[in-house]
Amino acid sequence: MAGTKEKRVGDRLKRRLMVRFGHETPSKTAFTKNLSLTGAFLRTNSVYKPGTTLQLEVVFPGGPVGLWAQVVWAKKVPAQLAHILDCGMGVRFINPGDDWEDSFRLWRVGKGEAGNPS
């Protein structure tokens, strides 16, 4: 029997995109480890507490797209272990809008056509 978590993970693409993020302005930088229409895992050691609302700017090859997200979980590790252990935040997008969906779908299709299956 397939669970909700399995479906969610299956919908996420394991791809790296730069993301700018911050509480009031997107002033910090992270990279996605996985990304979907509804959320992402951001690799960073600059984490915020779960429940925090963040402003994001996802940098697609066609240009950046801004949206809001809520931190669902966060894991910070000592700086000397950051290259070995996953650290970062899981975020859920808040009413992402048509610009987000259009840019995400175009990027996803472009990855597949370029010989990088998702």
N, C-alpha and C. Protein backbone atom coordinates (compact mmCIF):
# COMPACT_ATOMS: atom_id res chain seq x y z
N MET A 1 0.84 -1.19 0.00
CA MET A 1 0.00 0.00 0.00
C MET A 1 0.88 1.25 0.00
N ALA A 2 0.67 2.13 -0.96
CA ALA A 2 1.48 3.34 -1.08
C ALA A 2 0.98 4.39 -0.11
N GLY A 3 1.87 4.98 0.66
CA GLY A 3 1.50 6.00 1.62
C GLY A 3 1.63 7.39 1.03
N THR A 4 1.13 8.37 1.76
CA THR A 4 1.18 9.75 1.31
C THR A 4 2.63 10.22 1.12
N LYS A 5 3.50 9.85 2.06
CA LYS A 5 4.90 10.27 1.97
C LYS A 5 5.55 9.73 0.70
N GLU A 6 5.27 8.46 0.36
CA GLU A 6 5.84 7.88 -0.85
C GLU A 6 5.40 8.65 -2.08
N LYS A 7 4.12 9.02 -2.15
CA LYS A 7 3.61 9.77 -3.29
C LYS A 7 4.29 11.14 -3.36
N ARG A 8 4.41 11.82 -2.21
CA ARG A 8 5.02 13.15 -2.17
C ARG A 8 6.46 13.08 -2.65
N VAL A 9 7.22 12.12 -2.15
CA VAL A 9 8.62 12.00 -2.55
C VAL A 9 8.72 11.70 -4.04
N GLY A 10 7.81 10.87 -4.57
CA GLY A 10 7.83 10.53 -5.99
C GLY A 10 7.55 11.73 -6.88
N ASP A 11 6.83 12.73 -6.37
CA ASP A 11 6.50 13.91 -7.15
C ASP A 11 7.62 14.94 -7.17
N ARG A 12 8.62 14.76 -6.33
CA ARG A 12 9.72 15.72 -6.24
C ARG A 12 10.84 15.35 -7.20
N LEU A 13 11.39 16.36 -7.84
CA LEU A 13 12.52 16.16 -8.75
C LEU A 13 13.81 16.43 -8.00
N LYS A 14 14.75 15.53 -8.09
CA LYS A 14 16.05 15.73 -7.45
C LYS A 14 16.91 16.55 -8.38
N ARG A 15 16.82 17.85 -8.21
CA ARG A 15 17.56 18.80 -9.05
C ARG A 15 18.10 19.94 -8.20
N ARG A 16 19.17 20.54 -8.69
CA ARG A 16 19.83 21.63 -7.98
C ARG A 16 19.55 22.95 -8.70
N LEU A 17 18.89 23.84 -7.99
CA LEU A 17 18.68 25.21 -8.46
C LEU A 17 19.06 26.14 -7.32
N MET A 18 19.56 27.30 -7.67
CA MET A 18 19.86 28.30 -6.65
C MET A 18 18.56 28.94 -6.18
N VAL A 19 18.49 29.18 -4.88
CA VAL A 19 17.34 29.84 -4.27
C VAL A 19 17.85 30.92 -3.34
N ARG A 20 17.29 32.09 -3.46
CA ARG A 20 17.55 33.15 -2.48
C ARG A 20 16.36 33.14 -1.53
N PHE A 21 16.62 33.35 -0.24
CA PHE A 21 15.54 33.28 0.72
C PHE A 21 15.82 34.19 1.91
N GLY A 22 14.77 34.51 2.63
CA GLY A 22 14.91 35.32 3.84
C GLY A 22 13.57 35.61 4.45
N HIS A 23 13.61 36.07 5.69
CA HIS A 23 12.38 36.37 6.43
C HIS A 23 11.67 37.60 5.86
N GLU A 24 12.40 38.67 5.64
CA GLU A 24 11.80 39.90 5.10
C GLU A 24 12.22 40.17 3.67
N THR A 25 13.39 39.70 3.30
CA THR A 25 13.89 39.87 1.94
C THR A 25 14.77 38.66 1.61
N PRO A 26 14.78 38.21 0.36
CA PRO A 26 15.60 37.04 0.02
C PRO A 26 17.09 37.39 -0.07
N SER A 27 17.76 37.41 1.09
CA SER A 27 19.15 37.85 1.15
C SER A 27 20.15 36.71 1.36
N LYS A 28 19.67 35.50 1.65
CA LYS A 28 20.55 34.35 1.85
C LYS A 28 20.44 33.42 0.65
N THR A 29 21.44 32.55 0.47
CA THR A 29 21.45 31.66 -0.69
C THR A 29 21.45 30.21 -0.24
N ALA A 30 20.68 29.40 -0.96
CA ALA A 30 20.62 27.95 -0.75
C ALA A 30 20.53 27.30 -2.12
N PHE A 31 20.57 25.97 -2.11
CA PHE A 31 20.36 25.20 -3.34
C PHE A 31 19.32 24.13 -3.06
N THR A 32 18.49 23.86 -4.03
CA THR A 32 17.50 22.81 -3.85
C THR A 32 18.19 21.45 -3.92
N LYS A 33 17.70 20.53 -3.12
CA LYS A 33 18.09 19.13 -3.25
C LYS A 33 16.98 18.41 -4.00
N ASN A 34 15.75 18.80 -3.72
CA ASN A 34 14.60 18.33 -4.50
C ASN A 34 13.56 19.43 -4.52
N LEU A 35 12.68 19.33 -5.52
CA LEU A 35 11.74 20.42 -5.79
C LEU A 35 10.48 19.84 -6.41
N SER A 36 9.33 20.38 -6.00
CA SER A 36 8.05 19.99 -6.59
C SER A 36 7.20 21.24 -6.76
N LEU A 37 5.99 21.05 -7.27
CA LEU A 37 5.08 22.19 -7.40
C LEU A 37 4.67 22.75 -6.05
N THR A 38 4.74 21.92 -5.00
CA THR A 38 4.21 22.34 -3.70
C THR A 38 5.27 22.63 -2.64
N GLY A 39 6.53 22.26 -2.88
CA GLY A 39 7.54 22.49 -1.86
C GLY A 39 8.93 22.10 -2.31
N ALA A 40 9.88 22.22 -1.38
CA ALA A 40 11.28 21.92 -1.71
C ALA A 40 12.07 21.61 -0.45
N PHE A 41 13.20 20.96 -0.66
CA PHE A 41 14.21 20.82 0.38
C PHE A 41 15.34 21.75 -0.01
N LEU A 42 15.63 22.72 0.85
CA LEU A 42 16.69 23.70 0.60
C LEU A 42 17.92 23.33 1.41
N ARG A 43 19.03 23.10 0.72
CA ARG A 43 20.29 22.80 1.40
C ARG A 43 20.94 24.10 1.84
N THR A 44 21.00 24.29 3.14
CA THR A 44 21.61 25.48 3.74
C THR A 44 21.84 25.21 5.21
N ASN A 45 22.80 25.90 5.79
CA ASN A 45 22.98 25.81 7.23
C ASN A 45 22.39 27.05 7.91
N SER A 46 21.79 27.93 7.12
CA SER A 46 21.09 29.11 7.65
C SER A 46 19.61 28.78 7.72
N VAL A 47 19.23 28.01 8.72
CA VAL A 47 17.85 27.54 8.80
C VAL A 47 17.00 28.43 9.70
N TYR A 48 15.71 28.42 9.42
CA TYR A 48 14.73 29.11 10.24
C TYR A 48 13.87 28.08 10.95
N LYS A 49 13.21 28.49 12.02
CA LYS A 49 12.36 27.59 12.80
C LYS A 49 11.14 27.17 11.99
N PRO A 50 10.66 25.94 12.20
CA PRO A 50 9.40 25.52 11.57
C PRO A 50 8.28 26.50 11.91
N GLY A 51 7.45 26.78 10.91
CA GLY A 51 6.36 27.74 11.06
C GLY A 51 6.71 29.13 10.53
N THR A 52 8.00 29.40 10.32
CA THR A 52 8.43 30.70 9.80
C THR A 52 8.03 30.85 8.34
N THR A 53 7.52 32.01 7.98
CA THR A 53 7.20 32.32 6.59
C THR A 53 8.40 33.01 5.96
N LEU A 54 8.80 32.51 4.80
CA LEU A 54 9.98 33.04 4.10
C LEU A 54 9.61 33.54 2.71
N GLN A 55 10.32 34.54 2.27
CA GLN A 55 10.23 34.99 0.89
C GLN A 55 11.32 34.25 0.12
N LEU A 56 10.95 33.62 -1.01
CA LEU A 56 11.90 32.87 -1.83
C LEU A 56 12.00 33.47 -3.21
N GLU A 57 13.14 33.24 -3.83
CA GLU A 57 13.35 33.57 -5.23
C GLU A 57 14.09 32.37 -5.83
N VAL A 58 13.36 31.55 -6.61
CA VAL A 58 13.95 30.37 -7.23
C VAL A 58 14.52 30.80 -8.58
N VAL A 59 15.79 30.51 -8.82
CA VAL A 59 16.46 30.96 -10.03
C VAL A 59 16.43 29.84 -11.07
N PHE A 60 15.44 29.92 -11.97
CA PHE A 60 15.33 29.00 -13.09
C PHE A 60 16.24 29.49 -14.22
N PRO A 61 16.60 28.62 -15.18
CA PRO A 61 17.41 29.07 -16.32
C PRO A 61 16.75 30.22 -17.09
N GLY A 62 15.42 30.27 -17.11
CA GLY A 62 14.70 31.33 -17.80
C GLY A 62 14.52 32.60 -16.99
N GLY A 63 14.97 32.59 -15.75
CA GLY A 63 14.84 33.76 -14.90
C GLY A 63 14.26 33.40 -13.55
N PRO A 64 14.42 34.29 -12.56
CA PRO A 64 13.95 34.00 -11.20
C PRO A 64 12.43 34.15 -11.06
N VAL A 65 11.89 33.37 -10.13
CA VAL A 65 10.46 33.44 -9.79
C VAL A 65 10.35 33.60 -8.28
N GLY A 66 9.62 34.61 -7.86
CA GLY A 66 9.44 34.86 -6.43
C GLY A 66 8.17 34.21 -5.91
N LEU A 67 8.23 33.73 -4.66
CA LEU A 67 7.07 33.15 -4.00
C LEU A 67 7.33 33.09 -2.51
N TRP A 68 6.28 32.77 -1.75
CA TRP A 68 6.35 32.65 -0.30
C TRP A 68 6.29 31.19 0.08
N ALA A 69 6.93 30.84 1.20
CA ALA A 69 6.93 29.46 1.68
C ALA A 69 6.94 29.46 3.20
N GLN A 70 6.47 28.34 3.76
CA GLN A 70 6.51 28.15 5.20
C GLN A 70 7.47 27.01 5.51
N VAL A 71 8.33 27.22 6.49
CA VAL A 71 9.26 26.18 6.92
C VAL A 71 8.48 25.08 7.62
N VAL A 72 8.64 23.84 7.15
CA VAL A 72 7.95 22.69 7.74
C VAL A 72 8.87 21.99 8.74
N TRP A 73 10.13 21.86 8.39
CA TRP A 73 11.13 21.26 9.28
C TRP A 73 12.49 21.88 8.96
N ALA A 74 13.40 21.79 9.92
CA ALA A 74 14.74 22.35 9.72
C ALA A 74 15.76 21.50 10.46
N LYS A 75 16.94 21.37 9.85
CA LYS A 75 18.03 20.61 10.47
C LYS A 75 19.33 21.35 10.23
N LYS A 76 19.97 21.74 11.32
CA LYS A 76 21.27 22.41 11.24
C LYS A 76 22.33 21.46 11.77
N VAL A 77 23.47 21.42 11.12
CA VAL A 77 24.57 20.56 11.56
C VAL A 77 25.82 21.43 11.74
N PRO A 78 26.79 20.94 12.50
CA PRO A 78 28.04 21.71 12.64
C PRO A 78 28.66 21.98 11.27
N ALA A 79 29.24 23.15 11.11
CA ALA A 79 29.78 23.58 9.81
C ALA A 79 30.75 22.57 9.23
N GLN A 80 31.57 21.93 10.06
CA GLN A 80 32.56 20.98 9.55
C GLN A 80 31.91 19.70 9.02
N LEU A 81 30.63 19.45 9.32
CA LEU A 81 29.94 18.26 8.81
C LEU A 81 28.93 18.57 7.71
N ALA A 82 28.77 19.85 7.37
CA ALA A 82 27.75 20.26 6.40
C ALA A 82 27.96 19.63 5.02
N HIS A 83 29.19 19.32 4.66
CA HIS A 83 29.45 18.71 3.35
C HIS A 83 29.16 17.20 3.36
N ILE A 84 28.99 16.61 4.55
CA ILE A 84 28.73 15.17 4.68
C ILE A 84 27.26 14.89 4.98
N LEU A 85 26.70 15.64 5.92
CA LEU A 85 25.32 15.42 6.36
C LEU A 85 24.37 16.40 5.71
N ASP A 86 23.16 15.95 5.45
CA ASP A 86 22.14 16.86 4.93
C ASP A 86 21.75 17.86 6.00
N CYS A 87 21.80 19.12 5.64
CA CYS A 87 21.31 20.16 6.52
C CYS A 87 20.46 21.08 5.66
N GLY A 88 19.49 21.69 6.28
CA GLY A 88 18.64 22.59 5.53
C GLY A 88 17.22 22.61 6.06
N MET A 89 16.29 22.95 5.15
CA MET A 89 14.89 23.11 5.53
C MET A 89 13.98 22.51 4.48
N GLY A 90 12.91 21.93 4.96
CA GLY A 90 11.83 21.54 4.08
C GLY A 90 10.81 22.67 4.11
N VAL A 91 10.43 23.17 2.94
CA VAL A 91 9.48 24.28 2.87
C VAL A 91 8.27 23.89 2.02
N ARG A 92 7.13 24.43 2.39
CA ARG A 92 5.90 24.25 1.62
C ARG A 92 5.50 25.61 1.07
N PHE A 93 5.26 25.67 -0.23
CA PHE A 93 4.93 26.93 -0.88
C PHE A 93 3.52 27.38 -0.49
N ILE A 94 3.37 28.70 -0.33
CA ILE A 94 2.10 29.31 0.05
C ILE A 94 1.50 29.99 -1.18
N ASN A 95 0.39 29.48 -1.67
CA ASN A 95 -0.30 30.05 -2.84
C ASN A 95 0.69 30.50 -3.91
N PRO A 96 1.42 29.56 -4.52
CA PRO A 96 2.51 29.94 -5.42
C PRO A 96 2.11 30.69 -6.69
N GLY A 97 0.93 30.50 -7.21
CA GLY A 97 0.50 31.27 -8.38
C GLY A 97 0.89 30.67 -9.71
N ASP A 98 0.33 31.25 -10.76
CA ASP A 98 0.52 30.75 -12.12
C ASP A 98 1.95 30.90 -12.62
N ASP A 99 2.64 32.00 -12.25
CA ASP A 99 4.03 32.20 -12.69
C ASP A 99 4.91 31.05 -12.21
N TRP A 100 4.71 30.65 -10.95
CA TRP A 100 5.48 29.54 -10.39
C TRP A 100 5.19 28.25 -11.15
N GLU A 101 3.92 27.93 -11.29
CA GLU A 101 3.55 26.67 -11.95
C GLU A 101 4.04 26.64 -13.40
N ASP A 102 3.88 27.73 -14.13
CA ASP A 102 4.35 27.79 -15.52
C ASP A 102 5.87 27.60 -15.60
N SER A 103 6.61 28.31 -14.76
CA SER A 103 8.08 28.22 -14.78
C SER A 103 8.54 26.82 -14.38
N PHE A 104 7.91 26.23 -13.36
CA PHE A 104 8.28 24.89 -12.91
C PHE A 104 8.04 23.86 -14.00
N ARG A 105 6.87 23.91 -14.62
CA ARG A 105 6.54 22.92 -15.67
C ARG A 105 7.46 23.08 -16.89
N LEU A 106 7.74 24.30 -17.28
CA LEU A 106 8.64 24.54 -18.41
C LEU A 106 10.04 24.01 -18.10
N TRP A 107 10.53 24.27 -16.89
CA TRP A 107 11.85 23.79 -16.47
C TRP A 107 11.88 22.26 -16.42
N ARG A 108 10.82 21.65 -15.88
CA ARG A 108 10.76 20.19 -15.77
C ARG A 108 10.77 19.55 -17.15
N VAL A 109 9.99 20.07 -18.08
CA VAL A 109 9.95 19.53 -19.44
C VAL A 109 11.29 19.74 -20.12
N GLY A 110 11.89 20.91 -19.92
CA GLY A 110 13.19 21.20 -20.52
C GLY A 110 14.26 20.23 -20.06
N LYS A 111 14.22 19.84 -18.77
CA LYS A 111 15.19 18.87 -18.24
C LYS A 111 15.03 17.53 -18.95
N GLY A 112 13.79 17.10 -19.15
CA GLY A 112 13.54 15.81 -19.80
C GLY A 112 13.98 15.81 -21.25
N GLU A 113 13.73 16.90 -21.97
CA GLU A 113 14.09 17.00 -23.38
C GLU A 113 15.60 17.08 -23.58
N ALA A 114 16.31 17.56 -22.57
CA ALA A 114 17.76 17.71 -22.70
C ALA A 114 18.50 16.41 -22.40
N GLY A 115 17.75 15.33 -22.23
CA GLY A 115 18.40 14.05 -21.97
C GLY A 115 18.66 13.78 -20.49
N ASN A 116 18.06 14.59 -19.62
CA ASN A 116 18.19 14.40 -18.19
C ASN A 116 16.84 13.96 -17.64
N PRO A 117 16.50 12.67 -17.71
CA PRO A 117 15.18 12.24 -17.27
C PRO A 117 14.96 12.54 -15.80
N SER A 118 13.71 12.86 -15.46
CA SER A 118 13.39 13.18 -14.07
C SER A 118 13.08 11.98 -13.26
